[in-house]
Amino acid sequence: MLDFGSVAIADLVLGVELAMAASLLLGGFVVRAGRVRLHAYMQSAVVLGNVPIVLVWMLPAYLADVWPGIPGELAQPFYWVPTVMLALGLVLESLGVYVILVAGTNLVPERFRFRSYKLWMRTVLVLWWVVLLAGIATYYVWFVTPVSS
């Protein structure tokens, strides 16, 4: 059984998320160097690689530790910080997958496709950093300053 409250797992996930965020930034430099295909692979790997982390660790931890306290305990940082991260993260991950589908496939009908790739990709990058900061705040609230019983 996976121990969702394990500091070792939290440390690992935080490290992976920081590396993913750095990789997204690196992807910006890669595309400026004209390596568009490498950029696409890098960015797609990060966005899609985040899905299992969310499904296997983050969402189960939220459902086990936070969800039972909603809405009654929502005023406490232990509950509202990861709830904000979850809400923003769902928007971000959905938007990231949408960008991948529009930029890399023909699966999205023409009327739902965007033209300004830079704007959408930069929006995903900014949101990724906002969600990462919310994740760091969650880590801090859960593991650095835990509520004493």
Protein backbone atom coordinates (compact mmCIF):
# COMPACT_ATOMS: atom_id res chain seq x y z
CA MET A 1 0.00 0.00 0.00
CA LEU A 2 1.31 3.43 -0.94
CA ASP A 3 1.82 5.70 2.06
CA PHE A 4 0.49 9.00 0.70
CA GLY A 5 1.74 10.90 3.73
CA SER A 6 5.31 9.68 3.35
CA VAL A 7 7.83 12.50 3.42
CA ALA A 8 10.17 10.46 1.20
CA ILE A 9 7.50 10.17 -1.51
CA ALA A 10 6.61 13.85 -1.11
CA ASP A 11 10.29 14.77 -1.49
CA LEU A 12 10.56 12.63 -4.62
CA VAL A 13 7.39 14.07 -6.17
CA LEU A 14 8.49 17.63 -5.38
CA GLY A 15 11.88 16.97 -6.98
CA VAL A 16 10.28 15.49 -10.09
CA GLU A 17 7.86 18.42 -10.37
CA LEU A 18 10.72 20.93 -10.03
CA ALA A 19 12.65 19.06 -12.74
CA MET A 20 9.57 19.09 -14.97
CA ALA A 21 9.15 22.83 -14.49
CA ALA A 22 12.82 23.38 -15.35
CA SER A 23 12.38 21.18 -18.42
CA LEU A 24 9.47 23.33 -19.59
CA LEU A 25 11.70 26.40 -19.35
CA LEU A 26 14.49 24.59 -21.17
CA GLY A 27 11.97 23.73 -23.91
CA GLY A 28 11.53 27.45 -24.50
CA PHE A 29 15.23 27.82 -25.21
CA VAL A 30 15.23 24.71 -27.39
CA VAL A 31 12.49 26.09 -29.66
CA ARG A 32 14.29 29.44 -29.92
CA ALA A 33 17.28 27.49 -31.20
CA GLY A 34 15.10 26.13 -33.99
CA ARG A 35 14.65 22.63 -32.56
CA VAL A 36 10.86 22.60 -32.84
CA ARG A 37 10.43 18.81 -32.86
CA LEU A 38 12.65 18.38 -29.77
CA HIS A 39 10.68 21.17 -28.09
CA ALA A 40 7.42 19.35 -28.86
CA TYR A 41 8.73 16.07 -27.46
CA MET A 42 10.07 17.72 -24.32
CA GLN A 43 6.93 19.70 -23.55
CA SER A 44 4.61 16.79 -24.34
CA ALA A 45 6.64 14.42 -22.16
CA VAL A 46 6.35 16.79 -19.22
CA VAL A 47 2.63 17.42 -19.56
CA LEU A 48 1.75 13.77 -20.21
CA GLY A 49 4.31 12.51 -17.70
CA ASN A 50 2.59 14.54 -15.02
CA VAL A 51 -0.71 12.67 -15.47
CA PRO A 52 0.41 9.47 -13.68
CA ILE A 53 1.92 11.50 -10.83
CA VAL A 54 -1.40 13.26 -10.34
CA LEU A 55 -3.47 10.08 -10.63
CA VAL A 56 -1.23 7.78 -8.57
CA TRP A 57 -0.04 10.10 -5.82
CA MET A 58 -1.60 13.56 -5.70
CA LEU A 59 -5.28 12.78 -6.22
CA PRO A 60 -5.34 9.78 -3.84
CA ALA A 61 -3.52 11.84 -1.18
CA TYR A 62 -6.05 14.63 -1.61
CA LEU A 63 -9.00 12.23 -1.42
CA ALA A 64 -7.60 10.48 1.66
CA ASP A 65 -6.36 13.48 3.61
CA VAL A 66 -8.29 16.56 2.44
CA TRP A 67 -11.61 15.54 0.94
CA PRO A 68 -13.08 14.19 4.23
CA GLY A 69 -12.57 17.65 5.78
CA ILE A 70 -14.31 19.58 3.00
CA PRO A 71 -16.17 21.91 3.43
CA GLY A 72 -15.98 22.13 7.23
CA GLU A 73 -12.22 22.55 7.54
CA LEU A 74 -11.65 24.55 4.35
CA ALA A 75 -10.56 27.64 6.31
CA GLN A 76 -7.43 25.79 7.50
CA PRO A 77 -4.31 25.90 5.27
CA PHE A 78 -3.99 22.10 5.40
CA TYR A 79 -7.25 21.96 3.43
CA TRP A 80 -7.49 25.10 1.32
CA VAL A 81 -3.92 25.15 -0.02
CA PRO A 82 -4.11 21.70 -1.68
CA THR A 83 -7.67 22.46 -2.80
CA VAL A 84 -6.43 25.53 -4.68
CA MET A 85 -3.59 23.45 -6.12
CA LEU A 86 -6.05 20.75 -7.22
CA ALA A 87 -8.42 23.23 -8.90
CA LEU A 88 -5.64 25.08 -10.72
CA GLY A 89 -3.87 21.82 -11.54
CA LEU A 90 -6.94 20.36 -13.20
CA VAL A 91 -7.29 23.46 -15.36
CA LEU A 92 -3.58 23.41 -16.18
CA GLU A 93 -3.38 19.71 -17.04
CA SER A 94 -6.50 19.95 -19.22
CA LEU A 95 -5.14 23.01 -21.00
CA GLY A 96 -1.76 21.33 -21.47
CA VAL A 97 -3.33 18.26 -23.06
CA TYR A 98 -5.49 20.52 -25.25
CA VAL A 99 -2.38 22.38 -26.46
CA ILE A 100 -0.69 19.06 -27.27
CA LEU A 101 -3.73 17.86 -29.19
CA VAL A 102 -4.02 21.09 -31.19
CA ALA A 103 -0.31 21.53 -31.84
CA GLY A 104 0.56 17.90 -32.49
CA THR A 105 -2.49 16.16 -33.92
CA ASN A 106 -5.50 16.64 -36.16
CA LEU A 107 -7.89 15.25 -33.53
CA VAL A 108 -9.32 18.65 -32.56
CA PRO A 109 -11.91 19.95 -35.05
CA GLU A 110 -10.85 23.08 -36.93
CA ARG A 111 -13.36 25.34 -35.18
CA PHE A 112 -11.85 24.45 -31.77
CA ARG A 113 -8.23 24.94 -32.80
CA PHE A 114 -6.22 28.01 -31.87
CA ARG A 115 -3.73 29.84 -34.05
CA SER A 116 -1.59 31.73 -31.56
CA TYR A 117 0.59 28.88 -30.31
CA LYS A 118 2.96 31.11 -28.38
CA LEU A 119 0.15 32.63 -26.31
CA TRP A 120 -1.33 29.25 -25.38
CA MET A 121 2.03 27.64 -24.65
CA ARG A 122 3.17 30.59 -22.55
CA THR A 123 -0.13 30.48 -20.67
CA VAL A 124 0.48 26.81 -19.86
CA LEU A 125 4.02 27.63 -18.73
CA VAL A 126 2.87 30.43 -16.43
CA LEU A 127 0.08 28.29 -15.01
CA TRP A 128 2.54 25.44 -14.47
CA TRP A 129 4.66 27.70 -12.30
CA VAL A 130 1.60 28.94 -10.38
CA VAL A 131 0.52 25.35 -9.70
CA LEU A 132 4.10 24.41 -8.80
CA LEU A 133 4.14 27.25 -6.24
CA ALA A 134 0.82 25.98 -4.88
CA GLY A 135 2.40 22.51 -4.70
CA ILE A 136 5.38 23.89 -2.79
CA ALA A 137 2.93 25.62 -0.44
CA THR A 138 1.09 22.30 0.01
CA TYR A 139 4.39 20.55 0.75
CA TYR A 140 5.21 23.26 3.30
CA VAL A 141 1.81 23.07 5.00
CA TRP A 142 1.74 19.26 5.07
CA PHE A 143 5.34 18.35 5.81
CA VAL A 144 7.23 21.38 7.15
CA THR A 145 4.62 22.82 9.50
CA PRO A 146 2.19 19.95 10.09
CA VAL A 147 -0.80 20.47 12.36
CA SER A 148 -0.14 18.84 15.72
CA SER A 149 -2.90 16.62 17.04
